[in-house]
Amino acid sequence: QVLLEPLRGRGWPLWQVGLVDFALRLSIFSGYILLVSRMRHVHRVFQYHGAEHKAINALEAGDPLTVENVSRASRLHPRCGTSFLVIVIFLSVLAVSPFYGQSL
């Protein structure tokens, strides 16, 4: 809030300050994920995580677990906890942005 106080002082509506706050928070989170993923051991963990998704997707499709079937499967999985956390963070910041600076 301290960083965005000058915007409020210039007469910006609260909802616009909230959107700027949302953009900053999303940028910081995305930047963190990108920077952490550049670390060799974390990058390897991300690769294994994607491989797990591919194997589960092939298994749930009823395909035998062969390299060919798994490599064709999607890296995205609808019940991934990591994806769920990213969506929750995104939606929570988006939901709170219009009420930025208002007390309950």
N, C-alpha and C. Protein backbone atom coordinates (compact mmCIF):
# COMPACT_ATOMS: atom_id res chain seq x y z
N GLN A 1 0.82 -1.19 0.00
CA GLN A 1 0.00 0.00 0.00
C GLN A 1 0.85 1.25 0.00
N VAL A 2 1.99 1.19 0.65
CA VAL A 2 2.86 2.36 0.74
C VAL A 2 3.35 2.76 -0.64
N LEU A 3 3.67 1.79 -1.46
CA LEU A 3 4.17 2.10 -2.80
C LEU A 3 3.11 2.75 -3.68
N LEU A 4 1.86 2.42 -3.45
CA LEU A 4 0.79 2.93 -4.30
C LEU A 4 0.12 4.17 -3.73
N GLU A 5 0.55 4.62 -2.57
CA GLU A 5 -0.04 5.81 -1.95
C GLU A 5 0.05 7.06 -2.83
N PRO A 6 1.16 7.27 -3.57
CA PRO A 6 1.20 8.44 -4.46
C PRO A 6 0.11 8.45 -5.53
N LEU A 7 -0.32 7.29 -5.97
CA LEU A 7 -1.40 7.23 -6.96
C LEU A 7 -2.71 7.72 -6.36
N ARG A 8 -2.96 7.33 -5.12
CA ARG A 8 -4.18 7.80 -4.45
C ARG A 8 -4.12 9.30 -4.22
N GLY A 9 -2.91 9.81 -3.93
CA GLY A 9 -2.74 11.25 -3.72
C GLY A 9 -2.97 12.06 -4.97
N ARG A 10 -2.83 11.44 -6.11
CA ARG A 10 -3.05 12.14 -7.39
C ARG A 10 -4.49 12.01 -7.87
N GLY A 11 -5.34 11.45 -7.06
CA GLY A 11 -6.76 11.39 -7.40
C GLY A 11 -7.17 10.16 -8.17
N TRP A 12 -6.33 9.15 -8.23
CA TRP A 12 -6.72 7.92 -8.93
C TRP A 12 -7.86 7.25 -8.15
N PRO A 13 -8.87 6.76 -8.84
CA PRO A 13 -9.93 6.00 -8.15
C PRO A 13 -9.36 4.73 -7.53
N LEU A 14 -9.99 4.29 -6.46
CA LEU A 14 -9.50 3.10 -5.75
C LEU A 14 -9.44 1.87 -6.64
N TRP A 15 -10.39 1.71 -7.54
CA TRP A 15 -10.39 0.52 -8.38
C TRP A 15 -9.18 0.52 -9.32
N GLN A 16 -8.74 1.70 -9.77
CA GLN A 16 -7.55 1.76 -10.63
C GLN A 16 -6.29 1.46 -9.82
N VAL A 17 -6.22 1.97 -8.60
CA VAL A 17 -5.09 1.67 -7.73
C VAL A 17 -5.08 0.16 -7.44
N GLY A 18 -6.25 -0.42 -7.26
CA GLY A 18 -6.35 -1.86 -7.04
C GLY A 18 -5.84 -2.66 -8.23
N LEU A 19 -6.14 -2.19 -9.44
CA LEU A 19 -5.65 -2.90 -10.62
C LEU A 19 -4.13 -2.79 -10.75
N VAL A 20 -3.59 -1.62 -10.42
CA VAL A 20 -2.13 -1.47 -10.43
C VAL A 20 -1.51 -2.40 -9.38
N ASP A 21 -2.14 -2.46 -8.22
CA ASP A 21 -1.67 -3.36 -7.16
C ASP A 21 -1.72 -4.81 -7.65
N PHE A 22 -2.79 -5.19 -8.31
CA PHE A 22 -2.94 -6.53 -8.87
C PHE A 22 -1.81 -6.81 -9.87
N ALA A 23 -1.54 -5.87 -10.76
CA ALA A 23 -0.50 -6.05 -11.77
C ALA A 23 0.88 -6.21 -11.11
N LEU A 24 1.13 -5.41 -10.09
CA LEU A 24 2.41 -5.52 -9.39
C LEU A 24 2.57 -6.86 -8.69
N ARG A 25 1.52 -7.29 -7.99
CA ARG A 25 1.59 -8.57 -7.28
C ARG A 25 1.76 -9.73 -8.25
N LEU A 26 1.03 -9.69 -9.36
CA LEU A 26 1.13 -10.75 -10.35
C LEU A 26 2.52 -10.75 -11.00
N SER A 27 3.07 -9.57 -11.24
CA SER A 27 4.42 -9.47 -11.81
C SER A 27 5.47 -10.01 -10.85
N ILE A 28 5.35 -9.68 -9.58
CA ILE A 28 6.30 -10.17 -8.59
C ILE A 28 6.22 -11.69 -8.49
N PHE A 29 5.02 -12.24 -8.44
CA PHE A 29 4.85 -13.69 -8.35
C PHE A 29 5.39 -14.39 -9.59
N SER A 30 5.05 -13.87 -10.77
CA SER A 30 5.53 -14.47 -12.02
C SER A 30 7.04 -14.37 -12.12
N GLY A 31 7.59 -13.22 -11.75
CA GLY A 31 9.05 -13.06 -11.77
C GLY A 31 9.74 -14.03 -10.84
N TYR A 32 9.15 -14.24 -9.67
CA TYR A 32 9.71 -15.20 -8.70
C TYR A 32 9.74 -16.61 -9.30
N ILE A 33 8.63 -17.02 -9.90
CA ILE A 33 8.56 -18.36 -10.50
C ILE A 33 9.60 -18.48 -11.62
N LEU A 34 9.72 -17.45 -12.45
CA LEU A 34 10.69 -17.50 -13.54
C LEU A 34 12.12 -17.57 -13.02
N LEU A 35 12.43 -16.77 -12.01
CA LEU A 35 13.79 -16.78 -11.47
C LEU A 35 14.12 -18.10 -10.78
N VAL A 36 13.17 -18.62 -10.00
CA VAL A 36 13.41 -19.88 -9.30
C VAL A 36 13.56 -21.03 -10.31
N SER A 37 12.79 -20.97 -11.39
CA SER A 37 12.86 -22.06 -12.38
C SER A 37 14.20 -22.09 -13.11
N ARG A 38 14.97 -21.02 -13.03
CA ARG A 38 16.29 -21.00 -13.67
C ARG A 38 17.35 -21.71 -12.83
N MET A 39 17.03 -22.02 -11.59
CA MET A 39 17.95 -22.78 -10.75
C MET A 39 17.94 -24.23 -11.24
N ARG A 40 19.11 -24.80 -11.40
CA ARG A 40 19.23 -26.12 -12.03
C ARG A 40 18.38 -27.19 -11.32
N HIS A 41 18.46 -27.28 -10.00
CA HIS A 41 17.73 -28.35 -9.29
C HIS A 41 16.22 -28.10 -9.30
N VAL A 42 15.80 -26.85 -9.25
CA VAL A 42 14.36 -26.56 -9.30
C VAL A 42 13.82 -26.81 -10.70
N HIS A 43 14.60 -26.46 -11.71
CA HIS A 43 14.21 -26.73 -13.10
C HIS A 43 13.99 -28.23 -13.30
N ARG A 44 14.85 -29.02 -12.69
CA ARG A 44 14.71 -30.48 -12.78
C ARG A 44 13.43 -30.95 -12.09
N VAL A 45 13.11 -30.36 -10.96
CA VAL A 45 11.86 -30.70 -10.26
C VAL A 45 10.66 -30.37 -11.14
N PHE A 46 10.69 -29.21 -11.79
CA PHE A 46 9.59 -28.84 -12.69
C PHE A 46 9.47 -29.84 -13.83
N GLN A 47 10.60 -30.33 -14.35
CA GLN A 47 10.55 -31.33 -15.42
C GLN A 47 9.90 -32.62 -14.93
N TYR A 48 10.28 -33.08 -13.75
CA TYR A 48 9.67 -34.29 -13.21
C TYR A 48 8.17 -34.09 -12.97
N HIS A 49 7.79 -32.91 -12.52
CA HIS A 49 6.38 -32.62 -12.28
C HIS A 49 5.59 -32.72 -13.58
N GLY A 50 6.12 -32.17 -14.66
CA GLY A 50 5.46 -32.26 -15.96
C GLY A 50 5.40 -33.70 -16.46
N ALA A 51 6.46 -34.47 -16.20
CA ALA A 51 6.48 -35.87 -16.61
C ALA A 51 5.42 -36.67 -15.85
N GLU A 52 5.25 -36.35 -14.57
CA GLU A 52 4.19 -37.01 -13.79
C GLU A 52 2.83 -36.74 -14.41
N HIS A 53 2.60 -35.50 -14.80
CA HIS A 53 1.32 -35.15 -15.42
C HIS A 53 1.11 -35.95 -16.71
N LYS A 54 2.15 -36.04 -17.52
CA LYS A 54 2.04 -36.77 -18.77
C LYS A 54 1.71 -38.24 -18.52
N ALA A 55 2.37 -38.84 -17.53
CA ALA A 55 2.12 -40.25 -17.23
C ALA A 55 0.70 -40.47 -16.71
N ILE A 56 0.25 -39.59 -15.82
CA ILE A 56 -1.11 -39.72 -15.28
C ILE A 56 -2.15 -39.51 -16.38
N ASN A 57 -1.92 -38.53 -17.26
CA ASN A 57 -2.87 -38.30 -18.36
C ASN A 57 -2.94 -39.51 -19.28
N ALA A 58 -1.81 -40.13 -19.59
CA ALA A 58 -1.82 -41.33 -20.43
C ALA A 58 -2.55 -42.47 -19.72
N LEU A 59 -2.27 -42.65 -18.44
CA LEU A 59 -2.92 -43.71 -17.66
C LEU A 59 -4.43 -43.50 -17.59
N GLU A 60 -4.85 -42.25 -17.33
CA GLU A 60 -6.29 -41.97 -17.24
C GLU A 60 -6.99 -42.09 -18.59
N ALA A 61 -6.25 -41.95 -19.68
CA ALA A 61 -6.84 -42.12 -21.01
C ALA A 61 -6.97 -43.60 -21.36
N GLY A 62 -6.42 -44.48 -20.50
CA GLY A 62 -6.52 -45.92 -20.75
C GLY A 62 -5.40 -46.44 -21.63
N ASP A 63 -4.39 -45.62 -21.91
CA ASP A 63 -3.27 -46.04 -22.74
C ASP A 63 -2.25 -46.79 -21.89
N PRO A 64 -1.58 -47.76 -22.47
CA PRO A 64 -0.49 -48.40 -21.74
C PRO A 64 0.64 -47.40 -21.50
N LEU A 65 1.35 -47.55 -20.41
CA LEU A 65 2.42 -46.61 -20.08
C LEU A 65 3.68 -46.95 -20.87
N THR A 66 3.69 -46.48 -22.11
CA THR A 66 4.87 -46.59 -22.95
C THR A 66 5.41 -45.20 -23.19
N VAL A 67 6.66 -45.13 -23.59
CA VAL A 67 7.28 -43.83 -23.85
C VAL A 67 6.50 -43.07 -24.93
N GLU A 68 6.05 -43.76 -25.95
CA GLU A 68 5.31 -43.11 -27.04
C GLU A 68 3.99 -42.51 -26.54
N ASN A 69 3.25 -43.29 -25.77
CA ASN A 69 1.95 -42.81 -25.27
C ASN A 69 2.13 -41.66 -24.28
N VAL A 70 3.10 -41.79 -23.40
CA VAL A 70 3.31 -40.75 -22.40
C VAL A 70 3.80 -39.46 -23.06
N SER A 71 4.67 -39.57 -24.04
CA SER A 71 5.20 -38.36 -24.70
C SER A 71 4.11 -37.63 -25.47
N ARG A 72 3.07 -38.32 -25.93
CA ARG A 72 1.96 -37.67 -26.63
C ARG A 72 0.96 -37.01 -25.67
N ALA A 73 0.96 -37.43 -24.42
CA ALA A 73 -0.01 -36.92 -23.45
C ALA A 73 0.28 -35.47 -23.08
N SER A 74 -0.73 -34.79 -22.59
CA SER A 74 -0.60 -33.38 -22.20
C SER A 74 0.20 -33.22 -20.91
N ARG A 75 0.95 -32.13 -20.83
CA ARG A 75 1.71 -31.80 -19.64
C ARG A 75 0.81 -31.16 -18.58
N LEU A 76 -0.36 -30.67 -18.98
CA LEU A 76 -1.29 -30.02 -18.06
C LEU A 76 -2.25 -31.04 -17.48
N HIS A 77 -2.57 -30.89 -16.20
CA HIS A 77 -3.50 -31.81 -15.57
C HIS A 77 -4.54 -31.01 -14.79
N PRO A 78 -5.82 -31.33 -14.96
CA PRO A 78 -6.87 -30.50 -14.35
C PRO A 78 -6.89 -30.53 -12.81
N ARG A 79 -6.34 -31.55 -12.19
CA ARG A 79 -6.37 -31.64 -10.74
C ARG A 79 -5.01 -31.37 -10.10
N CYS A 80 -4.17 -30.64 -10.79
CA CYS A 80 -2.83 -30.33 -10.27
C CYS A 80 -2.94 -29.33 -9.13
N GLY A 81 -2.33 -29.65 -8.00
CA GLY A 81 -2.36 -28.75 -6.85
C GLY A 81 -1.61 -27.46 -7.11
N THR A 82 -0.51 -27.54 -7.85
CA THR A 82 0.25 -26.33 -8.17
C THR A 82 -0.57 -25.39 -9.02
N SER A 83 -1.23 -25.91 -10.03
CA SER A 83 -2.09 -25.08 -10.88
C SER A 83 -3.22 -24.47 -10.06
N PHE A 84 -3.76 -25.26 -9.14
CA PHE A 84 -4.82 -24.77 -8.28
C PHE A 84 -4.34 -23.58 -7.45
N LEU A 85 -3.13 -23.68 -6.89
CA LEU A 85 -2.59 -22.57 -6.09
C LEU A 85 -2.40 -21.32 -6.93
N VAL A 86 -1.91 -21.46 -8.14
CA VAL A 86 -1.72 -20.31 -9.02
C VAL A 86 -3.06 -19.66 -9.33
N ILE A 87 -4.06 -20.47 -9.60
CA ILE A 87 -5.40 -19.93 -9.90
C ILE A 87 -5.97 -19.23 -8.68
N VAL A 88 -5.80 -19.80 -7.50
CA VAL A 88 -6.31 -19.18 -6.27
C VAL A 88 -5.62 -17.84 -6.02
N ILE A 89 -4.31 -17.78 -6.19
CA ILE A 89 -3.60 -16.52 -6.02
C ILE A 89 -4.11 -15.48 -7.00
N PHE A 90 -4.24 -15.87 -8.26
CA PHE A 90 -4.72 -14.96 -9.29
C PHE A 90 -6.11 -14.45 -8.97
N LEU A 91 -7.03 -15.34 -8.63
CA LEU A 91 -8.41 -14.94 -8.35
C LEU A 91 -8.52 -14.13 -7.06
N SER A 92 -7.73 -14.47 -6.04
CA SER A 92 -7.83 -13.72 -4.79
C SER A 92 -7.36 -12.28 -4.97
N VAL A 93 -6.26 -12.10 -5.68
CA VAL A 93 -5.78 -10.74 -5.93
C VAL A 93 -6.78 -9.98 -6.79
N LEU A 94 -7.33 -10.65 -7.80
CA LEU A 94 -8.31 -10.02 -8.68
C LEU A 94 -9.59 -9.65 -7.91
N ALA A 95 -10.01 -10.52 -7.00
CA ALA A 95 -11.24 -10.28 -6.24
C ALA A 95 -11.07 -9.13 -5.24
N VAL A 96 -9.88 -8.96 -4.70
CA VAL A 96 -9.64 -7.94 -3.69
C VAL A 96 -9.32 -6.58 -4.31
N SER A 97 -8.83 -6.56 -5.54
CA SER A 97 -8.40 -5.32 -6.19
C SER A 97 -9.44 -4.20 -6.19
N PRO A 98 -10.71 -4.47 -6.47
CA PRO A 98 -11.68 -3.37 -6.50
C PRO A 98 -11.91 -2.72 -5.14
N PHE A 99 -11.56 -3.41 -4.06
CA PHE A 99 -11.78 -2.90 -2.71
C PHE A 99 -10.52 -2.37 -2.07
N TYR A 100 -9.52 -2.13 -2.87
CA TYR A 100 -8.23 -1.68 -2.36
C TYR A 100 -8.39 -0.40 -1.57
N GLY A 101 -7.86 -0.38 -0.37
CA GLY A 101 -7.86 0.83 0.45
C GLY A 101 -9.13 1.05 1.24
N GLN A 102 -10.12 0.23 1.08
CA GLN A 102 -11.37 0.40 1.83
C GLN A 102 -11.32 -0.47 3.09
N SER A 103 -11.77 0.07 4.19
CA SER A 103 -11.81 -0.72 5.42
C SER A 103 -13.15 -1.44 5.51
N LEU A 104 -13.13 -2.58 6.19
CA LEU A 104 -14.37 -3.36 6.32
C LEU A 104 -15.19 -2.92 7.47
